[in-house]
Amino acid sequence: MSKAITEVHEIKVYNESTRLFLVKSFYCYELYISNMQEYMAIDLLKWLKTEYIWMMFLTR
């Protein structure tokens, strides 16, 4: 079960350059979150692999 908090906000923008800035900002933020999740998953897998190797070594 996900514990993510989702908030919805309505932003009214009447200037096209501001709208494009916001779209780009949110895209970059989503990309940052995606990359951070991927990095954390890779780091977790490396840690699990190391723990598994140690466990196999110590149980010989």
PDB file of N, CA and C in Angstrom:
ATOM      1  N   MET A   1       0.843  -1.179   0.000  1.00  0.00           N
ATOM      2  CA  MET A   1       0.000   0.000   0.000  1.00  0.00           C
ATOM      3  C   MET A   1       0.887   1.240   0.000  1.00  0.00           C
ATOM      4  N   SER A   2       0.622   2.123  -0.886  1.00  0.00           N
ATOM      5  CA  SER A   2       1.434   3.332  -1.021  1.00  0.00           C
ATOM      6  C   SER A   2       1.057   4.348   0.043  1.00  0.00           C
ATOM      7  N   LYS A   3       2.066   4.992   0.597  1.00  0.00           N
ATOM      8  CA  LYS A   3       1.821   6.042   1.582  1.00  0.00           C
ATOM      9  C   LYS A   3       2.047   7.420   0.970  1.00  0.00           C
ATOM     10  N   ALA A   4       1.982   7.484  -0.342  1.00  0.00           N
ATOM     11  CA  ALA A   4       2.212   8.750  -1.040  1.00  0.00           C
ATOM     12  C   ALA A   4       1.081   9.724  -0.747  1.00  0.00           C
ATOM     13  N   ILE A   5       1.444  10.964  -0.599  1.00  0.00           N
ATOM     14  CA  ILE A   5       0.466  12.030  -0.394  1.00  0.00           C
ATOM     15  C   ILE A   5       0.319  12.773  -1.707  1.00  0.00           C
ATOM     16  N   THR A   6      -0.893  12.890  -2.148  1.00  0.00           N
ATOM     17  CA  THR A   6      -1.154  13.587  -3.404  1.00  0.00           C
ATOM     18  C   THR A   6      -1.952  14.843  -3.115  1.00  0.00           C
ATOM     19  N   GLU A   7      -1.460  15.947  -3.594  1.00  0.00           N
ATOM     20  CA  GLU A   7      -2.173  17.214  -3.459  1.00  0.00           C
ATOM     21  C   GLU A   7      -2.479  17.737  -4.847  1.00  0.00           C
ATOM     22  N   VAL A   8      -3.667  18.259  -5.004  1.00  0.00           N
ATOM     23  CA  VAL A   8      -4.071  18.819  -6.288  1.00  0.00           C
ATOM     24  C   VAL A   8      -4.290  20.307  -6.103  1.00  0.00           C
ATOM     25  N   HIS A   9      -3.622  21.092  -6.930  1.00  0.00           N
ATOM     26  CA  HIS A   9      -3.762  22.548  -6.893  1.00  0.00           C
ATOM     27  C   HIS A   9      -4.129  23.039  -8.281  1.00  0.00           C
ATOM     28  N   GLU A  10      -4.968  24.026  -8.325  1.00  0.00           N
ATOM     29  CA  GLU A  10      -5.324  24.629  -9.607  1.00  0.00           C
ATOM     30  C   GLU A  10      -4.567  25.940  -9.735  1.00  0.00           C
ATOM     31  N   ILE A  11      -3.821  26.060 -10.813  1.00  0.00           N
ATOM     32  CA  ILE A  11      -3.050  27.275 -11.057  1.00  0.00           C
ATOM     33  C   ILE A  11      -3.556  27.899 -12.349  1.00  0.00           C
ATOM     34  N   LYS A  12      -4.029  29.123 -12.254  1.00  0.00           N
ATOM     35  CA  LYS A  12      -4.492  29.829 -13.451  1.00  0.00           C
ATOM     36  C   LYS A  12      -3.375  30.745 -13.932  1.00  0.00           C
ATOM     37  N   VAL A  13      -2.971  30.550 -15.169  1.00  0.00           N
ATOM     38  CA  VAL A  13      -1.880  31.327 -15.746  1.00  0.00           C
ATOM     39  C   VAL A  13      -2.390  31.981 -17.024  1.00  0.00           C
ATOM     40  N   TYR A  14      -2.161  33.282 -17.122  1.00  0.00           N
ATOM     41  CA  TYR A  14      -2.640  34.019 -18.288  1.00  0.00           C
ATOM     42  C   TYR A  14      -1.504  34.432 -19.214  1.00  0.00           C
ATOM     43  N   ASN A  15      -0.291  34.153 -18.816  1.00  0.00           N
ATOM     44  CA  ASN A  15       0.883  34.516 -19.598  1.00  0.00           C
ATOM     45  C   ASN A  15       1.505  33.232 -20.155  1.00  0.00           C
ATOM     46  N   GLU A  16       1.699  33.160 -21.449  1.00  0.00           N
ATOM     47  CA  GLU A  16       2.207  31.936 -22.078  1.00  0.00           C
ATOM     48  C   GLU A  16       3.616  31.581 -21.611  1.00  0.00           C
ATOM     49  N   SER A  17       4.469  32.559 -21.433  1.00  0.00           N
ATOM     50  CA  SER A  17       5.837  32.256 -20.991  1.00  0.00           C
ATOM     51  C   SER A  17       5.835  31.703 -19.564  1.00  0.00           C
ATOM     52  N   THR A  18       4.949  32.215 -18.722  1.00  0.00           N
ATOM     53  CA  THR A  18       4.833  31.690 -17.359  1.00  0.00           C
ATOM     54  C   THR A  18       4.309  30.259 -17.392  1.00  0.00           C
ATOM     55  N   ARG A  19       3.337  30.015 -18.254  1.00  0.00           N
ATOM     56  CA  ARG A  19       2.786  28.671 -18.384  1.00  0.00           C
ATOM     57  C   ARG A  19       3.867  27.688 -18.821  1.00  0.00           C
ATOM     58  N   LEU A  20       4.655  28.072 -19.815  1.00  0.00           N
ATOM     59  CA  LEU A  20       5.730  27.202 -20.286  1.00  0.00           C
ATOM     60  C   LEU A  20       6.774  26.966 -19.200  1.00  0.00           C
ATOM     61  N   PHE A  21       7.067  28.015 -18.433  1.00  0.00           N
ATOM     62  CA  PHE A  21       8.010  27.877 -17.322  1.00  0.00           C
ATOM     63  C   PHE A  21       7.494  26.863 -16.302  1.00  0.00           C
ATOM     64  N   LEU A  22       6.224  26.947 -15.954  1.00  0.00           N
ATOM     65  CA  LEU A  22       5.644  26.018 -14.979  1.00  0.00           C
ATOM     66  C   LEU A  22       5.632  24.584 -15.507  1.00  0.00           C
ATOM     67  N   VAL A  23       5.278  24.432 -16.776  1.00  0.00           N
ATOM     68  CA  VAL A  23       5.267  23.093 -17.372  1.00  0.00           C
ATOM     69  C   VAL A  23       6.667  22.491 -17.330  1.00  0.00           C
ATOM     70  N   LYS A  24       7.662  23.272 -17.715  1.00  0.00           N
ATOM     71  CA  LYS A  24       9.049  22.792 -17.705  1.00  0.00           C
ATOM     72  C   LYS A  24       9.509  22.488 -16.279  1.00  0.00           C
ATOM     73  N   SER A  25       9.125  23.333 -15.330  1.00  0.00           N
ATOM     74  CA  SER A  25       9.513  23.124 -13.933  1.00  0.00           C
ATOM     75  C   SER A  25       8.938  21.827 -13.390  1.00  0.00           C
ATOM     76  N   PHE A  26       7.647  21.595 -13.646  1.00  0.00           N
ATOM     77  CA  PHE A  26       7.035  20.360 -13.160  1.00  0.00           C
ATOM     78  C   PHE A  26       7.634  19.140 -13.849  1.00  0.00           C
ATOM     79  N   TYR A  27       7.946  19.260 -15.127  1.00  0.00           N
ATOM     80  CA  TYR A  27       8.574  18.151 -15.845  1.00  0.00           C
ATOM     81  C   TYR A  27       9.939  17.828 -15.223  1.00  0.00           C
ATOM     82  N   CYS A  28      10.725  18.856 -14.953  1.00  0.00           N
ATOM     83  CA  CYS A  28      12.050  18.654 -14.350  1.00  0.00           C
ATOM     84  C   CYS A  28      11.923  18.047 -12.956  1.00  0.00           C
ATOM     85  N   TYR A  29      10.927  18.484 -12.200  1.00  0.00           N
ATOM     86  CA  TYR A  29      10.708  17.943 -10.857  1.00  0.00           C
ATOM     87  C   TYR A  29      10.341  16.460 -10.936  1.00  0.00           C
ATOM     88  N   GLU A  30       9.444  16.101 -11.862  1.00  0.00           N
ATOM     89  CA  GLU A  30       9.064  14.698 -12.029  1.00  0.00           C
ATOM     90  C   GLU A  30      10.262  13.861 -12.465  1.00  0.00           C
ATOM     91  N   LEU A  31      11.078  14.406 -13.344  1.00  0.00           N
ATOM     92  CA  LEU A  31      12.275  13.705 -13.790  1.00  0.00           C
ATOM     93  C   LEU A  31      13.245  13.507 -12.628  1.00  0.00           C
ATOM     94  N   TYR A  32      13.400  14.535 -11.794  1.00  0.00           N
ATOM     95  CA  TYR A  32      14.261  14.442 -10.614  1.00  0.00           C
ATOM     96  C   TYR A  32      13.776  13.337  -9.678  1.00  0.00           C
ATOM     97  N   ILE A  33      12.472  13.310  -9.409  1.00  0.00           N
ATOM     98  CA  ILE A  33      11.914  12.292  -8.519  1.00  0.00           C
ATOM     99  C   ILE A  33      12.119  10.897  -9.113  1.00  0.00           C
ATOM    100  N   SER A  34      11.874  10.766 -10.399  1.00  0.00           N
ATOM    101  CA  SER A  34      12.048   9.475 -11.070  1.00  0.00           C
ATOM    102  C   SER A  34      13.498   9.004 -10.980  1.00  0.00           C
ATOM    103  N   ASN A  35      14.433   9.905 -11.256  1.00  0.00           N
ATOM    104  CA  ASN A  35      15.856   9.553 -11.188  1.00  0.00           C
ATOM    105  C   ASN A  35      16.273   9.206  -9.767  1.00  0.00           C
ATOM    106  N   MET A  36      15.743   9.936  -8.788  1.00  0.00           N
ATOM    107  CA  MET A  36      16.085   9.661  -7.391  1.00  0.00           C
ATOM    108  C   MET A  36      15.561   8.282  -6.981  1.00  0.00           C
ATOM    109  N   GLN A  37      14.352   7.945  -7.397  1.00  0.00           N
ATOM    110  CA  GLN A  37      13.802   6.625  -7.077  1.00  0.00           C
ATOM    111  C   GLN A  37      14.632   5.526  -7.728  1.00  0.00           C
ATOM    112  N   GLU A  38      15.044   5.745  -8.974  1.00  0.00           N
ATOM    113  CA  GLU A  38      15.866   4.759  -9.672  1.00  0.00           C
ATOM    114  C   GLU A  38      17.217   4.607  -8.980  1.00  0.00           C
ATOM    115  N   TYR A  39      17.831   5.729  -8.593  1.00  0.00           N
ATOM    116  CA  TYR A  39      19.121   5.692  -7.907  1.00  0.00           C
ATOM    117  C   TYR A  39      19.007   4.940  -6.588  1.00  0.00           C
ATOM    118  N   MET A  40      17.946   5.221  -5.836  1.00  0.00           N
ATOM    119  CA  MET A  40      17.758   4.559  -4.547  1.00  0.00           C
ATOM    120  C   MET A  40      17.528   3.062  -4.734  1.00  0.00           C
ATOM    121  N   ALA A  41      16.812   2.682  -5.778  1.00  0.00           N
ATOM    122  CA  ALA A  41      16.573   1.263  -6.043  1.00  0.00           C
ATOM    123  C   ALA A  41      17.873   0.557  -6.401  1.00  0.00           C
ATOM    124  N   ILE A  42      18.688   1.193  -7.230  1.00  0.00           N
ATOM    125  CA  ILE A  42      19.976   0.606  -7.612  1.00  0.00           C
ATOM    126  C   ILE A  42      20.870   0.475  -6.384  1.00  0.00           C
ATOM    127  N   ASP A  43      20.876   1.503  -5.533  1.00  0.00           N
ATOM    128  CA  ASP A  43      21.671   1.467  -4.312  1.00  0.00           C
ATOM    129  C   ASP A  43      21.192   0.349  -3.388  1.00  0.00           C
ATOM    130  N   LEU A  44      19.885   0.184  -3.284  1.00  0.00           N
ATOM    131  CA  LEU A  44      19.329  -0.888  -2.459  1.00  0.00           C
ATOM    132  C   LEU A  44      19.741  -2.249  -3.002  1.00  0.00           C
ATOM    133  N   LEU A  45      19.685  -2.418  -4.317  1.00  0.00           N
ATOM    134  CA  LEU A  45      20.080  -3.699  -4.907  1.00  0.00           C
ATOM    135  C   LEU A  45      21.557  -3.994  -4.663  1.00  0.00           C
ATOM    136  N   LYS A  46      22.402  -2.971  -4.754  1.00  0.00           N
ATOM    137  CA  LYS A  46      23.831  -3.165  -4.466  1.00  0.00           C
ATOM    138  C   LYS A  46      24.027  -3.602  -3.020  1.00  0.00           C
ATOM    139  N   TRP A  47      23.292  -2.970  -2.105  1.00  0.00           N
ATOM    140  CA  TRP A  47      23.402  -3.310  -0.688  1.00  0.00           C
ATOM    141  C   TRP A  47      22.943  -4.743  -0.451  1.00  0.00           C
ATOM    142  N   LEU A  48      21.800  -5.123  -1.059  1.00  0.00           N
ATOM    143  CA  LEU A  48      21.296  -6.486  -0.894  1.00  0.00           C
ATOM    144  C   LEU A  48      22.275  -7.509  -1.455  1.00  0.00           C
ATOM    145  N   LYS A  49      22.880  -7.185  -2.591  1.00  0.00           N
ATOM    146  CA  LYS A  49      23.859  -8.092  -3.194  1.00  0.00           C
ATOM    147  C   LYS A  49      25.052  -8.270  -2.262  1.00  0.00           C
ATOM    148  N   THR A  50      25.532  -7.186  -1.685  1.00  0.00           N
ATOM    149  CA  THR A  50      26.660  -7.246  -0.753  1.00  0.00           C
ATOM    150  C   THR A  50      26.297  -8.069   0.475  1.00  0.00           C
ATOM    151  N   GLU A  51      25.105  -7.832   1.027  1.00  0.00           N
ATOM    152  CA  GLU A  51      24.665  -8.588   2.199  1.00  0.00           C
ATOM    153  C   GLU A  51      24.550 -10.074   1.876  1.00  0.00           C
ATOM    154  N   TYR A  52      24.034 -10.392   0.695  1.00  0.00           N
ATOM    155  CA  TYR A  52      23.889 -11.792   0.285  1.00  0.00           C
ATOM    156  C   TYR A  52      25.258 -12.456   0.163  1.00  0.00           C
ATOM    157  N   ILE A  53      26.208 -11.756  -0.433  1.00  0.00           N
ATOM    158  CA  ILE A  53      27.564 -12.308  -0.581  1.00  0.00           C
ATOM    159  C   ILE A  53      28.178 -12.564   0.787  1.00  0.00           C
ATOM    160  N   TRP A  54      28.025 -11.608   1.710  1.00  0.00           N
ATOM    161  CA  TRP A  54      28.554 -11.788   3.062  1.00  0.00           C
ATOM    162  C   TRP A  54      27.870 -12.950   3.770  1.00  0.00           C
ATOM    163  N   MET A  55      26.562 -13.060   3.601  1.00  0.00           N
ATOM    164  CA  MET A  55      25.825 -14.142   4.236  1.00  0.00           C
ATOM    165  C   MET A  55      26.316 -15.494   3.714  1.00  0.00           C
ATOM    166  N   MET A  56      26.526 -15.594   2.409  1.00  0.00           N
ATOM    167  CA  MET A  56      27.015 -16.845   1.824  1.00  0.00           C
ATOM    168  C   MET A  56      28.436 -17.149   2.305  1.00  0.00           C
ATOM    169  N   PHE A  57      29.253 -16.106   2.436  1.00  0.00           N
ATOM    170  CA  PHE A  57      30.633 -16.274   2.896  1.00  0.00           C
ATOM    171  C   PHE A  57      30.676 -16.726   4.355  1.00  0.00           C
ATOM    172  N   LEU A  58      29.842 -16.116   5.188  1.00  0.00           N
ATOM    173  CA  LEU A  58      29.874 -16.410   6.619  1.00  0.00           C
ATOM    174  C   LEU A  58      29.226 -17.744   6.972  1.00  0.00           C
ATOM    175  N   THR A  59      28.362 -18.253   6.130  1.00  0.00           N
ATOM    176  CA  THR A  59      27.679 -19.516   6.451  1.00  0.00           C
ATOM    177  C   THR A  59      28.397 -20.737   5.895  1.00  0.00           C
ATOM    178  N   ARG A  60      29.578 -20.550   5.369  1.00  0.00           N
ATOM    179  CA  ARG A  60      30.344 -21.701   4.856  1.00  0.00           C
ATOM    180  C   ARG A  60      30.900 -22.505   5.988  1.00  0.00           C
TER     181      ARG A  60
END
